[in-house]
Amino acid sequence: MNKAWALLRLASPQLPIGGYSYSQGLEMAVDQGLVHDQGSARQWIADQLLLNLARFEAPLLLAHCQAAADADWPVLAELAGQHRASRETRELALESRQMGYSLRQLLEGLPELDEAARAFLASQPELGLAPAWALAARAWQISPQDALAAWLWGWLENQLAVLMKTLPLGQQAAQRLTSELLPLLEQAQHDASHKQPEHWGSAAFGLALASMAHERQYSRLFRS
């Protein structure tokens, strides 16, 4: 079977986990005028990629995927705990929990999921998105690096979808922005892949503040 099918399946916005419901603070950044045009949108996303995701989220997710691929269940459980503890706001915690729950429902019905992975799944009363993503990659025999690439692509695609709903940004402008951001996506994956655990970490204060403010935003389209 063509391995691209599994990768496209994992990265697809049709994956029934509700990723389209979340903006990860971007809606509030638009509301506050921090993001107001294509240039400021590019800067926000670039900073997120290189100063936040590449330094913490992405290497942590890659470690999840490697542990699942290696069937190292104690390490995967420890990483899942680290990921859960790292959610800085109520919104971000709920986002991970709700998307993880939805992906868990999918995993439990997949014939491709092996018994060892099912046993781990059963041992986890609450599963966040990162460990669930790693188990999906294992089920579909997607390498850890490719699973990380799919996650990064999905994140970028979702951010662009948010912009098209909150800014006067059309589809062609979004595609031009994609062309500008793809090298940074590649750099984020490279940086994450070479970062040792003792150097994981970021201080995304702007994101945390935007997320906290979004919890109390009067009118909003997205859940985070």
C-alpha atoms as a PDB file:
ATOM      1  CA  MET A   1       0.000   0.000   0.000  1.00  0.00           C
ATOM      2  CA  ASN A   2       1.202   3.512  -0.793  1.00  0.00           C
ATOM      3  CA  LYS A   3       2.550   5.009   2.466  1.00  0.00           C
ATOM      4  CA  ALA A   4       1.372   8.438   1.370  1.00  0.00           C
ATOM      5  CA  TRP A   5      -2.243   7.418   2.004  1.00  0.00           C
ATOM      6  CA  ALA A   6      -1.653   6.967   5.725  1.00  0.00           C
ATOM      7  CA  LEU A   7       0.274  10.231   5.983  1.00  0.00           C
ATOM      8  CA  LEU A   8      -2.424  12.166   4.135  1.00  0.00           C
ATOM      9  CA  ARG A   9      -5.030  10.561   6.373  1.00  0.00           C
ATOM     10  CA  LEU A  10      -3.254  11.670   9.538  1.00  0.00           C
ATOM     11  CA  ALA A  11      -2.681  15.224   8.265  1.00  0.00           C
ATOM     12  CA  SER A  12      -6.162  15.614   6.783  1.00  0.00           C
ATOM     13  CA  PRO A  13      -8.495  18.266   8.237  1.00  0.00           C
ATOM     14  CA  GLN A  14     -11.164  15.554   7.875  1.00  0.00           C
ATOM     15  CA  LEU A  15      -9.574  13.588  10.725  1.00  0.00           C
ATOM     16  CA  PRO A  16     -12.513  13.645  13.170  1.00  0.00           C
ATOM     17  CA  ILE A  17     -10.821  15.303  16.130  1.00  0.00           C
ATOM     18  CA  GLY A  18     -12.255  18.819  15.818  1.00  0.00           C
ATOM     19  CA  GLY A  19      -9.024  20.675  15.087  1.00  0.00           C
ATOM     20  CA  TYR A  20     -10.950  23.256  13.062  1.00  0.00           C
ATOM     21  CA  SER A  21     -12.659  24.403  16.292  1.00  0.00           C
ATOM     22  CA  TYR A  22      -9.502  25.902  17.772  1.00  0.00           C
ATOM     23  CA  SER A  23      -7.401  28.965  16.972  1.00  0.00           C
ATOM     24  CA  GLN A  24      -4.799  28.625  19.764  1.00  0.00           C
ATOM     25  CA  GLY A  25      -5.088  32.283  20.696  1.00  0.00           C
ATOM     26  CA  LEU A  26      -4.950  33.600  17.133  1.00  0.00           C
ATOM     27  CA  GLU A  27      -8.564  34.782  17.191  1.00  0.00           C
ATOM     28  CA  MET A  28      -7.798  36.975  20.212  1.00  0.00           C
ATOM     29  CA  ALA A  29      -4.623  38.268  18.545  1.00  0.00           C
ATOM     30  CA  VAL A  30      -6.790  39.369  15.606  1.00  0.00           C
ATOM     31  CA  ASP A  31      -9.374  40.897  17.945  1.00  0.00           C
ATOM     32  CA  GLN A  32      -6.668  42.907  19.747  1.00  0.00           C
ATOM     33  CA  GLY A  33      -5.134  44.094  16.470  1.00  0.00           C
ATOM     34  CA  LEU A  34      -1.861  42.238  16.994  1.00  0.00           C
ATOM     35  CA  VAL A  35      -2.605  40.389  13.758  1.00  0.00           C
ATOM     36  CA  HIS A  36      -4.303  42.660  11.237  1.00  0.00           C
ATOM     37  CA  ASP A  37      -2.910  41.875   7.782  1.00  0.00           C
ATOM     38  CA  GLN A  38      -0.837  39.331   5.860  1.00  0.00           C
ATOM     39  CA  GLY A  39       2.470  40.676   7.165  1.00  0.00           C
ATOM     40  CA  SER A  40       1.509  40.611  10.838  1.00  0.00           C
ATOM     41  CA  ALA A  41      -0.086  37.185  10.345  1.00  0.00           C
ATOM     42  CA  ARG A  42       3.168  35.884   8.902  1.00  0.00           C
ATOM     43  CA  GLN A  43       5.108  37.278  11.865  1.00  0.00           C
ATOM     44  CA  TRP A  44       2.726  35.722  14.426  1.00  0.00           C
ATOM     45  CA  ILE A  45       2.860  32.301  12.798  1.00  0.00           C
ATOM     46  CA  ALA A  46       6.628  32.451  12.232  1.00  0.00           C
ATOM     47  CA  ASP A  47       7.222  33.329  15.890  1.00  0.00           C
ATOM     48  CA  GLN A  48       4.928  30.501  16.966  1.00  0.00           C
ATOM     49  CA  LEU A  49       6.778  28.043  14.771  1.00  0.00           C
ATOM     50  CA  LEU A  50      10.360  28.940  15.657  1.00  0.00           C
ATOM     51  CA  LEU A  51      10.094  30.303  19.205  1.00  0.00           C
ATOM     52  CA  ASN A  52       7.453  27.952  20.594  1.00  0.00           C
ATOM     53  CA  LEU A  53       6.702  24.836  18.563  1.00  0.00           C
ATOM     54  CA  ALA A  54      10.279  24.103  17.439  1.00  0.00           C
ATOM     55  CA  ARG A  55      11.625  24.551  20.966  1.00  0.00           C
ATOM     56  CA  PHE A  56       9.071  22.554  22.937  1.00  0.00           C
ATOM     57  CA  GLU A  57       5.843  21.319  21.367  1.00  0.00           C
ATOM     58  CA  ALA A  58       7.445  19.687  18.336  1.00  0.00           C
ATOM     59  CA  PRO A  59      10.361  17.878  20.063  1.00  0.00           C
ATOM     60  CA  LEU A  60       7.974  16.663  22.745  1.00  0.00           C
ATOM     61  CA  LEU A  61       5.572  15.331  20.112  1.00  0.00           C
ATOM     62  CA  LEU A  62       8.429  13.678  18.233  1.00  0.00           C
ATOM     63  CA  ALA A  63       9.482  11.934  21.446  1.00  0.00           C
ATOM     64  CA  HIS A  64       5.904  10.681  21.896  1.00  0.00           C
ATOM     65  CA  CYS A  65       5.924   9.245  18.378  1.00  0.00           C
ATOM     66  CA  GLN A  66       9.317   7.600  18.862  1.00  0.00           C
ATOM     67  CA  ALA A  67       8.250   6.006  22.148  1.00  0.00           C
ATOM     68  CA  ALA A  68       5.064   4.649  20.547  1.00  0.00           C
ATOM     69  CA  ALA A  69       7.010   3.320  17.554  1.00  0.00           C
ATOM     70  CA  ASP A  70       9.454   1.596  19.936  1.00  0.00           C
ATOM     71  CA  ALA A  71       6.620   0.257  22.112  1.00  0.00           C
ATOM     72  CA  ASP A  72       8.271   1.958  25.096  1.00  0.00           C
ATOM     73  CA  TRP A  73       5.066   2.371  27.068  1.00  0.00           C
ATOM     74  CA  PRO A  74       6.557   3.656  30.373  1.00  0.00           C
ATOM     75  CA  VAL A  75       8.335   6.441  28.482  1.00  0.00           C
ATOM     76  CA  LEU A  76       5.179   7.261  26.521  1.00  0.00           C
ATOM     77  CA  ALA A  77       3.194   7.499  29.760  1.00  0.00           C
ATOM     78  CA  GLU A  78       5.818   9.811  31.265  1.00  0.00           C
ATOM     79  CA  LEU A  79       5.842  12.020  28.169  1.00  0.00           C
ATOM     80  CA  ALA A  80       2.050  12.166  28.202  1.00  0.00           C
ATOM     81  CA  GLY A  81       2.206  13.446  31.763  1.00  0.00           C
ATOM     82  CA  GLN A  82       4.737  16.096  30.777  1.00  0.00           C
ATOM     83  CA  HIS A  83       2.543  17.217  27.901  1.00  0.00           C
ATOM     84  CA  ARG A  84      -0.523  17.415  30.136  1.00  0.00           C
ATOM     85  CA  ALA A  85       1.362  19.474  32.731  1.00  0.00           C
ATOM     86  CA  SER A  86       2.683  21.883  30.103  1.00  0.00           C
ATOM     87  CA  ARG A  87      -0.732  23.265  29.115  1.00  0.00           C
ATOM     88  CA  GLU A  88      -0.509  26.843  30.375  1.00  0.00           C
ATOM     89  CA  THR A  89      -4.146  27.873  30.215  1.00  0.00           C
ATOM     90  CA  ARG A  90      -7.528  26.289  30.766  1.00  0.00           C
ATOM     91  CA  GLU A  91      -8.316  26.606  27.059  1.00  0.00           C
ATOM     92  CA  LEU A  92      -5.132  24.880  25.920  1.00  0.00           C
ATOM     93  CA  ALA A  93      -5.677  22.069  28.432  1.00  0.00           C
ATOM     94  CA  LEU A  94      -9.255  21.544  27.263  1.00  0.00           C
ATOM     95  CA  GLU A  95      -8.169  21.622  23.636  1.00  0.00           C
ATOM     96  CA  SER A  96      -5.627  18.845  24.138  1.00  0.00           C
ATOM     97  CA  ARG A  97      -8.042  16.810  26.261  1.00  0.00           C
ATOM     98  CA  GLN A  98     -10.983  17.113  23.890  1.00  0.00           C
ATOM     99  CA  MET A  99      -8.981  16.422  20.730  1.00  0.00           C
ATOM    100  CA  GLY A 100      -7.215  13.550  22.474  1.00  0.00           C
ATOM    101  CA  TYR A 101     -10.586  12.118  23.519  1.00  0.00           C
ATOM    102  CA  SER A 102     -11.899  12.305  19.954  1.00  0.00           C
ATOM    103  CA  LEU A 103      -8.783  10.657  18.541  1.00  0.00           C
ATOM    104  CA  ARG A 104      -9.007   7.982  21.232  1.00  0.00           C
ATOM    105  CA  GLN A 105     -12.550   7.158  20.097  1.00  0.00           C
ATOM    106  CA  LEU A 106     -11.209   6.708  16.580  1.00  0.00           C
ATOM    107  CA  LEU A 107      -8.247   4.605  17.708  1.00  0.00           C
ATOM    108  CA  GLU A 108     -10.404   2.212  19.698  1.00  0.00           C
ATOM    109  CA  GLY A 109     -12.320   1.322  16.548  1.00  0.00           C
ATOM    110  CA  LEU A 110      -9.299   0.935  14.274  1.00  0.00           C
ATOM    111  CA  PRO A 111      -8.453  -2.612  13.186  1.00  0.00           C
ATOM    112  CA  GLU A 112      -4.836  -1.514  12.595  1.00  0.00           C
ATOM    113  CA  LEU A 113      -4.144  -0.791  16.279  1.00  0.00           C
ATOM    114  CA  ASP A 114      -2.155  -3.676  17.775  1.00  0.00           C
ATOM    115  CA  GLU A 115      -2.840  -5.291  21.139  1.00  0.00           C
ATOM    116  CA  ALA A 116       0.120  -3.707  22.915  1.00  0.00           C
ATOM    117  CA  ALA A 117      -1.073  -0.245  21.911  1.00  0.00           C
ATOM    118  CA  ARG A 118      -4.626  -1.129  22.942  1.00  0.00           C
ATOM    119  CA  ALA A 119      -3.371  -2.195  26.355  1.00  0.00           C
ATOM    120  CA  PHE A 120      -1.581   1.132  26.781  1.00  0.00           C
ATOM    121  CA  LEU A 121      -4.696   2.988  25.649  1.00  0.00           C
ATOM    122  CA  ALA A 122      -6.788   1.126  28.216  1.00  0.00           C
ATOM    123  CA  SER A 123      -4.318   2.040  30.965  1.00  0.00           C
ATOM    124  CA  GLN A 124      -4.703   5.780  30.341  1.00  0.00           C
ATOM    125  CA  PRO A 125      -7.878   7.246  31.879  1.00  0.00           C
ATOM    126  CA  GLU A 126      -7.236  10.573  30.131  1.00  0.00           C
ATOM    127  CA  LEU A 127      -5.357  10.864  26.857  1.00  0.00           C
ATOM    128  CA  GLY A 128      -4.136  14.165  25.431  1.00  0.00           C
ATOM    129  CA  LEU A 129      -3.612  14.865  21.766  1.00  0.00           C
ATOM    130  CA  ALA A 130       0.148  14.170  21.701  1.00  0.00           C
ATOM    131  CA  PRO A 131       0.057  10.532  22.918  1.00  0.00           C
ATOM    132  CA  ALA A 132      -3.071   9.854  20.867  1.00  0.00           C
ATOM    133  CA  TRP A 133      -1.315  11.233  17.777  1.00  0.00           C
ATOM    134  CA  ALA A 134       1.655   8.971  18.471  1.00  0.00           C
ATOM    135  CA  LEU A 135      -0.610   5.922  18.727  1.00  0.00           C
ATOM    136  CA  ALA A 136      -2.327   6.831  15.448  1.00  0.00           C
ATOM    137  CA  ALA A 137       1.085   7.065  13.777  1.00  0.00           C
ATOM    138  CA  ARG A 138       1.965   3.620  15.153  1.00  0.00           C
ATOM    139  CA  ALA A 139      -1.341   2.154  13.973  1.00  0.00           C
ATOM    140  CA  TRP A 140      -0.826   3.481  10.445  1.00  0.00           C
ATOM    141  CA  GLN A 141       2.914   2.677  10.391  1.00  0.00           C
ATOM    142  CA  ILE A 142       3.953   6.286   9.948  1.00  0.00           C
ATOM    143  CA  SER A 143       7.520   7.089  10.969  1.00  0.00           C
ATOM    144  CA  PRO A 144       8.031   9.510  13.882  1.00  0.00           C
ATOM    145  CA  GLN A 145       9.520  12.144  11.567  1.00  0.00           C
ATOM    146  CA  ASP A 146       6.625  11.889   9.140  1.00  0.00           C
ATOM    147  CA  ALA A 147       4.134  12.017  12.028  1.00  0.00           C
ATOM    148  CA  LEU A 148       5.794  15.224  13.222  1.00  0.00           C
ATOM    149  CA  ALA A 149       5.641  16.660   9.691  1.00  0.00           C
ATOM    150  CA  ALA A 150       1.928  15.828   9.500  1.00  0.00           C
ATOM    151  CA  TRP A 151       1.313  17.514  12.850  1.00  0.00           C
ATOM    152  CA  LEU A 152       3.220  20.649  11.840  1.00  0.00           C
ATOM    153  CA  TRP A 153       1.402  20.823   8.509  1.00  0.00           C
ATOM    154  CA  GLY A 154      -1.967  20.393  10.212  1.00  0.00           C
ATOM    155  CA  TRP A 155      -1.113  23.152  12.677  1.00  0.00           C
ATOM    156  CA  LEU A 156      -0.128  25.543   9.882  1.00  0.00           C
ATOM    157  CA  GLU A 157      -3.170  24.705   7.775  1.00  0.00           C
ATOM    158  CA  ASN A 158      -5.455  25.326  10.736  1.00  0.00           C
ATOM    159  CA  GLN A 159      -3.842  28.692  11.518  1.00  0.00           C
ATOM    160  CA  LEU A 160      -4.369  29.772   7.910  1.00  0.00           C
ATOM    161  CA  ALA A 161      -8.002  28.639   8.082  1.00  0.00           C
ATOM    162  CA  VAL A 162      -8.452  30.787  11.189  1.00  0.00           C
ATOM    163  CA  LEU A 163      -7.024  33.794   9.351  1.00  0.00           C
ATOM    164  CA  MET A 164      -9.381  33.304   6.414  1.00  0.00           C
ATOM    165  CA  LYS A 165     -12.332  33.414   8.831  1.00  0.00           C
ATOM    166  CA  THR A 166     -11.165  36.348  10.952  1.00  0.00           C
ATOM    167  CA  LEU A 167      -9.270  38.580   8.507  1.00  0.00           C
ATOM    168  CA  PRO A 168      -9.994  39.767   4.977  1.00  0.00           C
ATOM    169  CA  LEU A 169      -7.619  37.064   3.749  1.00  0.00           C
ATOM    170  CA  GLY A 170      -8.669  35.067   0.704  1.00  0.00           C
ATOM    171  CA  GLN A 171      -7.610  31.613  -0.403  1.00  0.00           C
ATOM    172  CA  GLN A 172      -5.012  32.841  -2.882  1.00  0.00           C
ATOM    173  CA  ALA A 173      -3.455  35.124  -0.262  1.00  0.00           C
ATOM    174  CA  ALA A 174      -3.403  32.170   2.129  1.00  0.00           C
ATOM    175  CA  GLN A 175      -1.572  30.101  -0.474  1.00  0.00           C
ATOM    176  CA  ARG A 176       1.008  32.858  -0.965  1.00  0.00           C
ATOM    177  CA  LEU A 177       1.464  32.961   2.783  1.00  0.00           C
ATOM    178  CA  THR A 178       1.898  29.188   2.781  1.00  0.00           C
ATOM    179  CA  SER A 179       4.717  29.511   0.252  1.00  0.00           C
ATOM    180  CA  GLU A 180       6.437  32.040   2.514  1.00  0.00           C
ATOM    181  CA  LEU A 181       6.016  29.877   5.617  1.00  0.00           C
ATOM    182  CA  LEU A 182       6.955  26.437   4.272  1.00  0.00           C
ATOM    183  CA  PRO A 183      10.721  27.043   4.716  1.00  0.00           C
ATOM    184  CA  LEU A 184      10.029  27.956   8.341  1.00  0.00           C
ATOM    185  CA  LEU A 185       7.971  24.796   8.753  1.00  0.00           C
ATOM    186  CA  GLU A 186      10.966  22.830   7.490  1.00  0.00           C
ATOM    187  CA  GLN A 187      13.263  24.712   9.855  1.00  0.00           C
ATOM    188  CA  ALA A 188      10.942  24.029  12.794  1.00  0.00           C
ATOM    189  CA  GLN A 189      11.033  20.299  12.076  1.00  0.00           C
ATOM    190  CA  HIS A 190      14.817  20.340  11.721  1.00  0.00           C
ATOM    191  CA  ASP A 191      15.315  22.283  14.952  1.00  0.00           C
ATOM    192  CA  ALA A 192      12.899  20.057  16.868  1.00  0.00           C
ATOM    193  CA  SER A 193      14.597  16.909  15.606  1.00  0.00           C
ATOM    194  CA  HIS A 194      18.000  18.022  16.896  1.00  0.00           C
ATOM    195  CA  LYS A 195      16.976  19.457  20.264  1.00  0.00           C
ATOM    196  CA  GLN A 196      17.957  17.381  23.290  1.00  0.00           C
ATOM    197  CA  PRO A 197      15.397  16.924  26.108  1.00  0.00           C
ATOM    198  CA  GLU A 198      17.417  19.032  28.534  1.00  0.00           C
ATOM    199  CA  HIS A 199      16.986  21.966  26.143  1.00  0.00           C
ATOM    200  CA  TRP A 200      13.245  21.600  25.581  1.00  0.00           C
ATOM    201  CA  GLY A 201      11.304  24.672  26.608  1.00  0.00           C
ATOM    202  CA  SER A 202       9.864  27.967  25.469  1.00  0.00           C
ATOM    203  CA  ALA A 203       8.425  31.080  27.055  1.00  0.00           C
ATOM    204  CA  ALA A 204       5.519  31.959  24.793  1.00  0.00           C
ATOM    205  CA  PHE A 205       4.065  34.668  27.033  1.00  0.00           C
ATOM    206  CA  GLY A 206       2.139  36.298  24.202  1.00  0.00           C
ATOM    207  CA  LEU A 207       0.412  33.041  23.355  1.00  0.00           C
ATOM    208  CA  ALA A 208      -0.476  32.355  26.996  1.00  0.00           C
ATOM    209  CA  LEU A 209      -1.879  35.859  27.465  1.00  0.00           C
ATOM    210  CA  ALA A 210      -3.859  35.663  24.221  1.00  0.00           C
ATOM    211  CA  SER A 211      -5.250  32.285  25.251  1.00  0.00           C
ATOM    212  CA  MET A 212      -6.258  33.534  28.716  1.00  0.00           C
ATOM    213  CA  ALA A 213      -7.896  36.633  27.242  1.00  0.00           C
ATOM    214  CA  HIS A 214      -9.710  34.504  24.675  1.00  0.00           C
ATOM    215  CA  GLU A 215     -11.368  32.543  27.478  1.00  0.00           C
ATOM    216  CA  ARG A 216     -13.315  35.728  28.289  1.00  0.00           C
ATOM    217  CA  GLN A 217     -13.734  37.113  24.780  1.00  0.00           C
ATOM    218  CA  TYR A 218     -17.323  38.306  24.401  1.00  0.00           C
ATOM    219  CA  SER A 219     -17.948  37.015  20.876  1.00  0.00           C
ATOM    220  CA  ARG A 220     -15.830  34.344  19.239  1.00  0.00           C
ATOM    221  CA  LEU A 221     -15.835  31.726  16.498  1.00  0.00           C
ATOM    222  CA  PHE A 222     -13.309  29.328  18.018  1.00  0.00           C
ATOM    223  CA  ARG A 223     -13.016  27.386  21.255  1.00  0.00           C
ATOM    224  CA  SER A 224      -9.426  28.463  21.910  1.00  0.00           C
END
